[in-house]
Amino acid sequence: MMMVGVFFAVFSLKGFMIPNHFLDGGVTGISLLFHELYHINFSLLLVGINILFFIPAYKYVGKLFAIRSLIAVCFLAAGVEFIAFDPITTDRLLIAIFGGCFIGLGMGLVIRSGAAIDGFEVLAVFTTRKVGFSMSEVILFFNSIIFLTAANEFGINTAMYATITYFTALKMADYVVDGIEEYISLTIISRESDRVKSLLVNRFGKGITVYKGERGYLPGSFHEKTDCDVIVTIVTRLELLNIHHEINKIDEKAFMYTHKIKETKGGIIKQKGGH
C-alpha cells in the first residue's frame, strides 16, 4: 500500500506539477517553492526538510512510524529523481484538480500503511498542544505562509492555483483514509427499545451497548420522566440509511443522532460477507 501510494504521488509530481512549475502545501509545497526559487534539487529538499519533522516524530509519535515515513519519503524522492512521465496537460485548472487528486490519493494510501510523506502533520500535532488550535487550523496557518510567499514571488494566480491543489489533495486524502465505509456511531432512544435492539443484532448483525437512562424533562412537564434504554452501535456510512429506515418502521418518533469516529478496535463492527 505504501509503494502504490508513493507511485501516485510521483505520478502527480512528475506528470502534473513539476513540469508546469506548480506548487502545493506542506513539505511538498516548501520543497517545490525552494526548487523554483533557488533551483535546488527537489528530491534532496523533500528528504532533508521531512527529516527535520521526523526526528521529533521518532521520539514522541513512535519509532516504527518515523522509520516507515522516512522510507516512504526516500522512495518518493527516488521516484521523482529516476522515473520519467511526460506532462499530462498544461491546463492550469486541470493540473490543480487532478494533480491534487493524485497526490492526495498517494498521501492517503501511505497514511493507511502507517506512515506519512509529509511532515506537516507531525508539526501540527506539537503546535496544537501548545496553542490550542485544531490540527486543520494549524496546517492551514503554515500553508497560508507558503501561499503568501508564492503570491509574492510568482503572482496571485499561482498562489490561488496552489490553494486549489492543496484542498483537492486534502479532501482526497481524507476520503482515502476514512474510506467509503467510514465508521459512524449511532445512538438511538426509542419506546420500542427491545425491538430496536433485536433489529440491530439479529437483522444487521451489529454489536450494541445499552446505557440505562431517563427521558422526559420537557418544558411544562419537567418533573415527568420515564426510564429508557440508550442504544449505541457502530455502523458504516453505507448501512446508515437502511438502518434509519428500518428503525422508523418500528418507531417513527425514535430519537437518533450520529457522529463520525476515526478508529474502532475489537467488538463486532460489521458482518463479513460469505463466499
C-alpha atoms as a PDB file:
ATOM      1  CA  MET A   1       0.000   0.000   0.000  1.00  0.00           C
ATOM      2  CA  MET A   2       2.861   2.339   0.789  1.00  0.00           C
ATOM      3  CA  MET A   3       4.516   1.704  -2.578  1.00  0.00           C
ATOM      4  CA  VAL A   4       1.257   2.215  -4.502  1.00  0.00           C
ATOM      5  CA  GLY A   5       0.727   5.481  -2.618  1.00  0.00           C
ATOM      6  CA  VAL A   6       4.270   6.623  -3.409  1.00  0.00           C
ATOM      7  CA  PHE A   7       3.704   5.789  -7.093  1.00  0.00           C
ATOM      8  CA  PHE A   8       0.587   8.006  -7.282  1.00  0.00           C
ATOM      9  CA  ALA A   9       2.447  10.838  -5.553  1.00  0.00           C
ATOM     10  CA  VAL A  10       5.329  10.521  -8.047  1.00  0.00           C
ATOM     11  CA  PHE A  11       2.836  10.458 -10.922  1.00  0.00           C
ATOM     12  CA  SER A  12       1.248  13.679  -9.649  1.00  0.00           C
ATOM     13  CA  LEU A  13       4.561  15.458  -9.167  1.00  0.00           C
ATOM     14  CA  LYS A  14       6.204  14.381 -12.432  1.00  0.00           C
ATOM     15  CA  GLY A  15       3.094  14.257 -14.631  1.00  0.00           C
ATOM     16  CA  PHE A  16       1.376  17.436 -13.460  1.00  0.00           C
ATOM     17  CA  MET A  17       3.145  19.712 -11.009  1.00  0.00           C
ATOM     18  CA  ILE A  18       6.915  19.901 -11.505  1.00  0.00           C
ATOM     19  CA  PRO A  19       6.898  20.236 -15.342  1.00  0.00           C
ATOM     20  CA  ASN A  20       4.347  23.057 -15.064  1.00  0.00           C
ATOM     21  CA  HIS A  21       6.069  24.833 -12.128  1.00  0.00           C
ATOM     22  CA  PHE A  22       3.112  24.224  -9.820  1.00  0.00           C
ATOM     23  CA  LEU A  23       3.042  24.493  -6.026  1.00  0.00           C
ATOM     24  CA  ASP A  24       1.293  22.597  -3.252  1.00  0.00           C
ATOM     25  CA  GLY A  25       1.013  22.857   0.522  1.00  0.00           C
ATOM     26  CA  GLY A  26       3.013  21.138   3.236  1.00  0.00           C
ATOM     27  CA  VAL A  27       6.610  19.983   2.953  1.00  0.00           C
ATOM     28  CA  THR A  28       6.000  19.193  -0.722  1.00  0.00           C
ATOM     29  CA  GLY A  29       4.984  22.808  -1.248  1.00  0.00           C
ATOM     30  CA  ILE A  30       8.050  24.125   0.585  1.00  0.00           C
ATOM     31  CA  SER A  31      10.300  21.853  -1.490  1.00  0.00           C
ATOM     32  CA  LEU A  32       8.655  22.956  -4.731  1.00  0.00           C
ATOM     33  CA  LEU A  33       8.925  26.604  -3.685  1.00  0.00           C
ATOM     34  CA  PHE A  34      12.667  26.386  -2.925  1.00  0.00           C
ATOM     35  CA  HIS A  35      13.195  24.349  -6.081  1.00  0.00           C
ATOM     36  CA  GLU A  36      11.608  27.099  -8.176  1.00  0.00           C
ATOM     37  CA  LEU A  37      13.335  29.962  -6.354  1.00  0.00           C
ATOM     38  CA  TYR A  38      16.850  28.596  -5.946  1.00  0.00           C
ATOM     39  CA  HIS A  39      16.921  25.608  -8.363  1.00  0.00           C
ATOM     40  CA  ILE A  40      17.934  23.197  -5.595  1.00  0.00           C
ATOM     41  CA  ASN A  41      17.312  19.526  -6.350  1.00  0.00           C
ATOM     42  CA  PHE A  42      13.695  18.795  -5.392  1.00  0.00           C
ATOM     43  CA  SER A  43      14.369  15.246  -4.155  1.00  0.00           C
ATOM     44  CA  LEU A  44      17.100  16.406  -1.771  1.00  0.00           C
ATOM     45  CA  LEU A  45      14.850  19.147  -0.417  1.00  0.00           C
ATOM     46  CA  LEU A  46      11.994  16.696   0.093  1.00  0.00           C
ATOM     47  CA  VAL A  47      14.103  14.286   2.144  1.00  0.00           C
ATOM     48  CA  GLY A  48      16.036  16.956   4.041  1.00  0.00           C
ATOM     49  CA  ILE A  49      13.019  19.013   5.146  1.00  0.00           C
ATOM     50  CA  ASN A  50      10.956  15.950   6.090  1.00  0.00           C
ATOM     51  CA  ILE A  51      13.790  14.608   8.256  1.00  0.00           C
ATOM     52  CA  LEU A  52      13.518  17.753  10.382  1.00  0.00           C
ATOM     53  CA  PHE A  53       9.935  16.744  11.200  1.00  0.00           C
ATOM     54  CA  PHE A  54      10.525  13.005  11.546  1.00  0.00           C
ATOM     55  CA  ILE A  55      13.249  13.415  14.192  1.00  0.00           C
ATOM     56  CA  PRO A  56      10.746  14.577  16.867  1.00  0.00           C
ATOM     57  CA  ALA A  57       8.230  12.066  15.482  1.00  0.00           C
ATOM     58  CA  TYR A  58      10.746   9.288  16.256  1.00  0.00           C
ATOM     59  CA  LYS A  59      10.703  10.292  19.928  1.00  0.00           C
ATOM     60  CA  TYR A  60       7.129  11.416  20.501  1.00  0.00           C
ATOM     61  CA  VAL A  61       4.950   9.637  17.909  1.00  0.00           C
ATOM     62  CA  GLY A  62       6.690   6.294  17.526  1.00  0.00           C
ATOM     63  CA  LYS A  63       9.836   4.649  16.226  1.00  0.00           C
ATOM     64  CA  LEU A  64       8.046   2.483  13.666  1.00  0.00           C
ATOM     65  CA  PHE A  65       6.038   5.412  12.280  1.00  0.00           C
ATOM     66  CA  ALA A  66       9.148   7.572  11.859  1.00  0.00           C
ATOM     67  CA  ILE A  67      11.130   4.800  10.150  1.00  0.00           C
ATOM     68  CA  ARG A  68       8.261   3.910   7.802  1.00  0.00           C
ATOM     69  CA  SER A  69       7.754   7.561   6.955  1.00  0.00           C
ATOM     70  CA  LEU A  70      11.428   8.074   6.196  1.00  0.00           C
ATOM     71  CA  ILE A  71      11.413   5.005   3.932  1.00  0.00           C
ATOM     72  CA  ALA A  72       8.306   6.309   2.121  1.00  0.00           C
ATOM     73  CA  VAL A  73       9.869   9.753   1.620  1.00  0.00           C
ATOM     74  CA  CYS A  74      13.095   8.212   0.315  1.00  0.00           C
ATOM     75  CA  PHE A  75      11.154   6.120  -2.202  1.00  0.00           C
ATOM     76  CA  LEU A  76       9.196   9.235  -3.204  1.00  0.00           C
ATOM     77  CA  ALA A  77      12.392  11.216  -3.709  1.00  0.00           C
ATOM     78  CA  ALA A  78      13.951   8.379  -5.718  1.00  0.00           C
ATOM     79  CA  GLY A  79      10.821   8.079  -7.847  1.00  0.00           C
ATOM     80  CA  VAL A  80      10.832  11.789  -8.627  1.00  0.00           C
ATOM     81  CA  GLU A  81      14.514  11.606  -9.479  1.00  0.00           C
ATOM     82  CA  PHE A  82      14.545   8.497 -11.678  1.00  0.00           C
ATOM     83  CA  ILE A  83      11.015   7.869 -13.017  1.00  0.00           C
ATOM     84  CA  ALA A  84      10.020   9.872 -16.085  1.00  0.00           C
ATOM     85  CA  PHE A  85       6.473  10.898 -17.004  1.00  0.00           C
ATOM     86  CA  ASP A  86       5.524  13.094 -19.911  1.00  0.00           C
ATOM     87  CA  PRO A  87       3.443  16.111 -18.808  1.00  0.00           C
ATOM     88  CA  ILE A  88      -0.208  15.058 -18.876  1.00  0.00           C
ATOM     89  CA  THR A  89      -1.639  18.526 -19.545  1.00  0.00           C
ATOM     90  CA  THR A  90      -0.712  22.196 -19.490  1.00  0.00           C
ATOM     91  CA  ASP A  91      -4.166  23.423 -18.454  1.00  0.00           C
ATOM     92  CA  ARG A  92      -3.634  25.078 -15.071  1.00  0.00           C
ATOM     93  CA  LEU A  93      -7.063  24.247 -13.661  1.00  0.00           C
ATOM     94  CA  LEU A  94      -6.768  20.576 -14.666  1.00  0.00           C
ATOM     95  CA  ILE A  95      -3.292  20.457 -13.126  1.00  0.00           C
ATOM     96  CA  ALA A  96      -4.585  21.925  -9.866  1.00  0.00           C
ATOM     97  CA  ILE A  97      -7.519  19.494  -9.637  1.00  0.00           C
ATOM     98  CA  PHE A  98      -6.053  16.248 -10.954  1.00  0.00           C
ATOM     99  CA  GLY A  99      -2.560  16.884  -9.609  1.00  0.00           C
ATOM    100  CA  GLY A 100      -4.144  17.428  -6.204  1.00  0.00           C
ATOM    101  CA  CYS A 101      -6.313  14.301  -6.566  1.00  0.00           C
ATOM    102  CA  PHE A 102      -3.398  12.025  -7.377  1.00  0.00           C
ATOM    103  CA  ILE A 103      -1.059  13.339  -4.701  1.00  0.00           C
ATOM    104  CA  GLY A 104      -3.926  13.195  -2.172  1.00  0.00           C
ATOM    105  CA  LEU A 105      -4.601   9.587  -3.214  1.00  0.00           C
ATOM    106  CA  GLY A 106      -0.937   8.795  -2.688  1.00  0.00           C
ATOM    107  CA  MET A 107      -0.809  10.519   0.690  1.00  0.00           C
ATOM    108  CA  GLY A 108      -3.949   8.712   1.857  1.00  0.00           C
ATOM    109  CA  LEU A 109      -2.631   5.280   0.913  1.00  0.00           C
ATOM    110  CA  VAL A 110       0.694   5.966   2.625  1.00  0.00           C
ATOM    111  CA  ILE A 111      -1.139   7.104   5.781  1.00  0.00           C
ATOM    112  CA  ARG A 112      -3.221   3.917   5.740  1.00  0.00           C
ATOM    113  CA  SER A 113       0.019   1.927   5.596  1.00  0.00           C
ATOM    114  CA  GLY A 114       1.129   3.539   8.874  1.00  0.00           C
ATOM    115  CA  ALA A 115       3.475   6.204   7.525  1.00  0.00           C
ATOM    116  CA  ALA A 116       3.458   9.732   6.087  1.00  0.00           C
ATOM    117  CA  ILE A 117       5.120  11.514   3.189  1.00  0.00           C
ATOM    118  CA  ASP A 118       4.609  14.999   4.589  1.00  0.00           C
ATOM    119  CA  GLY A 119       5.984  16.122   7.939  1.00  0.00           C
ATOM    120  CA  PHE A 120       3.478  18.955   8.375  1.00  0.00           C
ATOM    121  CA  GLU A 121       1.101  16.620  10.218  1.00  0.00           C
ATOM    122  CA  VAL A 122       3.804  15.974  12.833  1.00  0.00           C
ATOM    123  CA  LEU A 123       4.407  19.715  13.211  1.00  0.00           C
ATOM    124  CA  ALA A 124       0.675  20.273  13.637  1.00  0.00           C
ATOM    125  CA  VAL A 125       0.481  17.739  16.481  1.00  0.00           C
ATOM    126  CA  PHE A 126       3.098  19.581  18.549  1.00  0.00           C
ATOM    127  CA  THR A 127       1.766  23.059  17.749  1.00  0.00           C
ATOM    128  CA  THR A 128      -1.792  22.016  18.632  1.00  0.00           C
ATOM    129  CA  ARG A 129      -0.661  21.040  22.132  1.00  0.00           C
ATOM    130  CA  LYS A 130       0.937  24.443  22.646  1.00  0.00           C
ATOM    131  CA  VAL A 131      -1.592  26.893  21.181  1.00  0.00           C
ATOM    132  CA  GLY A 132      -4.911  25.044  21.482  1.00  0.00           C
ATOM    133  CA  PHE A 133      -5.973  25.295  17.836  1.00  0.00           C
ATOM    134  CA  SER A 134      -7.161  22.275  15.866  1.00  0.00           C
ATOM    135  CA  MET A 135      -4.750  20.391  13.619  1.00  0.00           C
ATOM    136  CA  SER A 136      -6.529  21.615  10.478  1.00  0.00           C
ATOM    137  CA  GLU A 137      -6.230  25.224  11.629  1.00  0.00           C
ATOM    138  CA  VAL A 138      -2.510  24.831  12.354  1.00  0.00           C
ATOM    139  CA  ILE A 139      -1.819  23.206   8.977  1.00  0.00           C
ATOM    140  CA  LEU A 140      -3.853  25.905   7.239  1.00  0.00           C
ATOM    141  CA  PHE A 141      -1.851  28.619   9.039  1.00  0.00           C
ATOM    142  CA  PHE A 142       1.524  27.248   7.931  1.00  0.00           C
ATOM    143  CA  ASN A 143       0.264  26.614   4.405  1.00  0.00           C
ATOM    144  CA  SER A 144      -1.002  30.187   4.242  1.00  0.00           C
ATOM    145  CA  ILE A 145       2.591  31.342   4.747  1.00  0.00           C
ATOM    146  CA  ILE A 146       3.659  29.177   1.798  1.00  0.00           C
ATOM    147  CA  PHE A 147       0.846  30.509  -0.385  1.00  0.00           C
ATOM    148  CA  LEU A 148       1.553  34.140   0.536  1.00  0.00           C
ATOM    149  CA  THR A 149       5.225  33.626  -0.333  1.00  0.00           C
ATOM    150  CA  ALA A 150       4.174  32.080  -3.654  1.00  0.00           C
ATOM    151  CA  ALA A 151       1.896  35.042  -4.329  1.00  0.00           C
ATOM    152  CA  ASN A 152       4.733  37.475  -3.620  1.00  0.00           C
ATOM    153  CA  GLU A 153       7.266  35.638  -5.804  1.00  0.00           C
ATOM    154  CA  PHE A 154       5.155  34.245  -8.649  1.00  0.00           C
ATOM    155  CA  GLY A 155       1.918  36.223  -8.616  1.00  0.00           C
ATOM    156  CA  ILE A 156      -1.517  35.808  -7.079  1.00  0.00           C
ATOM    157  CA  ASN A 157      -2.716  33.367  -9.772  1.00  0.00           C
ATOM    158  CA  THR A 158      -0.007  30.853  -8.860  1.00  0.00           C
ATOM    159  CA  ALA A 159      -0.934  31.110  -5.183  1.00  0.00           C
ATOM    160  CA  MET A 160      -4.636  30.590  -5.885  1.00  0.00           C
ATOM    161  CA  TYR A 161      -3.978  27.541  -8.047  1.00  0.00           C
ATOM    162  CA  ALA A 162      -1.720  26.172  -5.293  1.00  0.00           C
ATOM    163  CA  THR A 163      -4.607  26.613  -2.842  1.00  0.00           C
ATOM    164  CA  ILE A 164      -6.902  24.604  -5.137  1.00  0.00           C
ATOM    165  CA  THR A 165      -4.263  21.868  -5.388  1.00  0.00           C
ATOM    166  CA  TYR A 166      -3.842  21.731  -1.630  1.00  0.00           C
ATOM    167  CA  PHE A 167      -7.539  21.498  -0.786  1.00  0.00           C
ATOM    168  CA  THR A 168      -8.143  18.915  -3.518  1.00  0.00           C
ATOM    169  CA  ALA A 169      -5.295  16.801  -2.135  1.00  0.00           C
ATOM    170  CA  LEU A 170      -6.584  17.225   1.427  1.00  0.00           C
ATOM    171  CA  LYS A 171     -10.106  16.083   0.568  1.00  0.00           C
ATOM    172  CA  MET A 172      -8.871  13.117  -1.464  1.00  0.00           C
ATOM    173  CA  ALA A 173      -6.507  12.036   1.322  1.00  0.00           C
ATOM    174  CA  ASP A 174      -9.323  12.277   3.894  1.00  0.00           C
ATOM    175  CA  TYR A 175     -11.581  10.176   1.668  1.00  0.00           C
ATOM    176  CA  VAL A 176      -8.916   7.502   1.168  1.00  0.00           C
ATOM    177  CA  VAL A 177      -8.042   7.371   4.877  1.00  0.00           C
ATOM    178  CA  ASP A 178     -11.661   7.229   6.059  1.00  0.00           C
ATOM    179  CA  GLY A 179     -12.777   5.043   3.164  1.00  0.00           C
ATOM    180  CA  ILE A 180     -16.207   4.654   1.646  1.00  0.00           C
ATOM    181  CA  GLU A 181     -17.157   2.617   4.733  1.00  0.00           C
ATOM    182  CA  GLU A 182     -16.417   5.395   7.191  1.00  0.00           C
ATOM    183  CA  TYR A 183     -17.430   4.350  10.700  1.00  0.00           C
ATOM    184  CA  ILE A 184     -20.237   6.237  12.417  1.00  0.00           C
ATOM    185  CA  SER A 185     -21.506   5.973  15.972  1.00  0.00           C
ATOM    186  CA  LEU A 186     -25.316   5.749  16.035  1.00  0.00           C
ATOM    187  CA  THR A 187     -27.255   6.468  19.233  1.00  0.00           C
ATOM    188  CA  ILE A 188     -30.966   5.550  19.466  1.00  0.00           C
ATOM    189  CA  ILE A 189     -33.562   6.305  22.144  1.00  0.00           C
ATOM    190  CA  SER A 190     -36.898   4.635  21.475  1.00  0.00           C
ATOM    191  CA  ARG A 191     -40.033   3.478  23.269  1.00  0.00           C
ATOM    192  CA  GLU A 192     -39.596   0.213  21.365  1.00  0.00           C
ATOM    193  CA  SER A 193     -36.049  -0.331  22.562  1.00  0.00           C
ATOM    194  CA  ASP A 194     -36.324  -4.139  22.750  1.00  0.00           C
ATOM    195  CA  ARG A 195     -37.448  -4.364  19.120  1.00  0.00           C
ATOM    196  CA  VAL A 196     -34.722  -1.921  18.037  1.00  0.00           C
ATOM    197  CA  LYS A 197     -32.081  -3.991  19.861  1.00  0.00           C
ATOM    198  CA  SER A 198     -33.346  -7.157  18.180  1.00  0.00           C
ATOM    199  CA  LEU A 199     -33.291  -5.437  14.782  1.00  0.00           C
ATOM    200  CA  LEU A 200     -29.698  -4.253  15.160  1.00  0.00           C
ATOM    201  CA  VAL A 201     -28.344  -7.555  16.484  1.00  0.00           C
ATOM    202  CA  ASN A 202     -30.383 -10.161  14.612  1.00  0.00           C
ATOM    203  CA  ARG A 203     -31.147  -8.370  11.351  1.00  0.00           C
ATOM    204  CA  PHE A 204     -27.991  -6.300  10.826  1.00  0.00           C
ATOM    205  CA  GLY A 205     -25.521  -8.367  12.872  1.00  0.00           C
ATOM    206  CA  LYS A 206     -24.378  -5.397  14.963  1.00  0.00           C
ATOM    207  CA  GLY A 207     -22.857  -5.318  18.409  1.00  0.00           C
ATOM    208  CA  ILE A 208     -24.657  -2.901  20.711  1.00  0.00           C
ATOM    209  CA  THR A 209     -24.065  -1.178  24.025  1.00  0.00           C
ATOM    210  CA  VAL A 210     -27.058  -0.209  26.188  1.00  0.00           C
ATOM    211  CA  TYR A 211     -26.966   2.593  28.755  1.00  0.00           C
ATOM    212  CA  LYS A 212     -29.728   2.959  31.314  1.00  0.00           C
ATOM    213  CA  GLY A 213     -31.128   6.464  31.185  1.00  0.00           C
ATOM    214  CA  GLU A 214     -34.157   8.672  31.734  1.00  0.00           C
ATOM    215  CA  ARG A 215     -36.283  10.521  29.228  1.00  0.00           C
ATOM    216  CA  GLY A 216     -38.663  13.407  29.820  1.00  0.00           C
ATOM    217  CA  TYR A 217     -37.770  16.711  31.496  1.00  0.00           C
ATOM    218  CA  LEU A 218     -39.730  18.660  28.881  1.00  0.00           C
ATOM    219  CA  PRO A 219     -40.765  22.346  29.180  1.00  0.00           C
ATOM    220  CA  GLY A 220     -44.073  22.489  31.030  1.00  0.00           C
ATOM    221  CA  SER A 221     -43.704  18.932  32.363  1.00  0.00           C
ATOM    222  CA  PHE A 222     -40.209  18.981  33.808  1.00  0.00           C
ATOM    223  CA  HIS A 223     -40.973  16.550  36.632  1.00  0.00           C
ATOM    224  CA  GLU A 224     -42.373  13.857  34.325  1.00  0.00           C
ATOM    225  CA  LYS A 225     -39.782  11.251  33.475  1.00  0.00           C
ATOM    226  CA  THR A 226     -39.524   7.603  32.482  1.00  0.00           C
ATOM    227  CA  ASP A 227     -36.702   5.089  32.407  1.00  0.00           C
ATOM    228  CA  CYS A 228     -35.315   4.266  28.978  1.00  0.00           C
ATOM    229  CA  ASP A 229     -32.541   2.377  27.212  1.00  0.00           C
ATOM    230  CA  VAL A 230     -29.950   4.383  25.293  1.00  0.00           C
ATOM    231  CA  ILE A 231     -28.713   2.119  22.496  1.00  0.00           C
ATOM    232  CA  VAL A 232     -25.310   2.747  20.907  1.00  0.00           C
ATOM    233  CA  THR A 233     -23.869   0.886  17.935  1.00  0.00           C
ATOM    234  CA  ILE A 234     -21.228   1.386  15.241  1.00  0.00           C
ATOM    235  CA  VAL A 235     -22.327   1.387  11.600  1.00  0.00           C
ATOM    236  CA  THR A 236     -20.807   2.286   8.260  1.00  0.00           C
ATOM    237  CA  ARG A 237     -21.958   5.138   6.077  1.00  0.00           C
ATOM    238  CA  LEU A 238     -23.389   2.661   3.574  1.00  0.00           C
ATOM    239  CA  GLU A 239     -25.509   0.971   6.238  1.00  0.00           C
ATOM    240  CA  LEU A 240     -26.812   4.098   7.959  1.00  0.00           C
ATOM    241  CA  LEU A 241     -29.709   4.995   5.656  1.00  0.00           C
ATOM    242  CA  ASN A 242     -31.114   1.464   5.645  1.00  0.00           C
ATOM    243  CA  ILE A 243     -30.889   1.187   9.441  1.00  0.00           C
ATOM    244  CA  HIS A 244     -32.637   4.560   9.846  1.00  0.00           C
ATOM    245  CA  HIS A 245     -35.400   3.361   7.531  1.00  0.00           C
ATOM    246  CA  GLU A 246     -35.955   0.108   9.427  1.00  0.00           C
ATOM    247  CA  ILE A 247     -35.962   1.803  12.847  1.00  0.00           C
ATOM    248  CA  ASN A 248     -38.553   4.307  11.606  1.00  0.00           C
ATOM    249  CA  LYS A 249     -40.790   1.366  10.717  1.00  0.00           C
ATOM    250  CA  ILE A 250     -40.642   0.260  14.345  1.00  0.00           C
ATOM    251  CA  ASP A 251     -40.895   3.696  15.964  1.00  0.00           C
ATOM    252  CA  GLU A 252     -41.452   6.844  13.909  1.00  0.00           C
ATOM    253  CA  LYS A 253     -40.714   9.002  16.960  1.00  0.00           C
ATOM    254  CA  ALA A 254     -37.393   7.328  17.794  1.00  0.00           C
ATOM    255  CA  PHE A 255     -34.677   9.849  18.597  1.00  0.00           C
ATOM    256  CA  MET A 256     -31.425   9.154  16.735  1.00  0.00           C
ATOM    257  CA  TYR A 257     -28.179  11.016  16.299  1.00  0.00           C
ATOM    258  CA  THR A 258     -24.819  10.180  14.794  1.00  0.00           C
ATOM    259  CA  HIS A 259     -21.231  11.332  14.946  1.00  0.00           C
ATOM    260  CA  LYS A 260     -18.168  10.294  12.994  1.00  0.00           C
ATOM    261  CA  ILE A 261     -15.442   8.268  14.626  1.00  0.00           C
ATOM    262  CA  LYS A 262     -11.856   7.889  13.455  1.00  0.00           C
ATOM    263  CA  GLU A 263     -10.988   4.392  14.599  1.00  0.00           C
ATOM    264  CA  THR A 264     -12.561   1.240  16.032  1.00  0.00           C
ATOM    265  CA  LYS A 265     -10.950  -1.777  17.619  1.00  0.00           C
ATOM    266  CA  GLY A 266     -12.425  -5.007  18.953  1.00  0.00           C
ATOM    267  CA  GLY A 267     -16.075  -5.953  19.247  1.00  0.00           C
ATOM    268  CA  ILE A 268     -18.407  -6.614  16.334  1.00  0.00           C
ATOM    269  CA  ILE A 269     -18.088  -3.861  13.722  1.00  0.00           C
ATOM    270  CA  LYS A 270     -19.611  -5.400  10.627  1.00  0.00           C
ATOM    271  CA  GLN A 271     -20.543  -8.762   9.238  1.00  0.00           C
ATOM    272  CA  LYS A 272     -18.108 -10.318   6.825  1.00  0.00           C
ATOM    273  CA  GLY A 273     -19.621 -11.460   3.572  1.00  0.00           C
ATOM    274  CA  GLY A 274     -19.810 -15.205   2.900  1.00  0.00           C
ATOM    275  CA  HIS A 275     -18.106 -16.913  -0.008  1.00  0.00           C
END
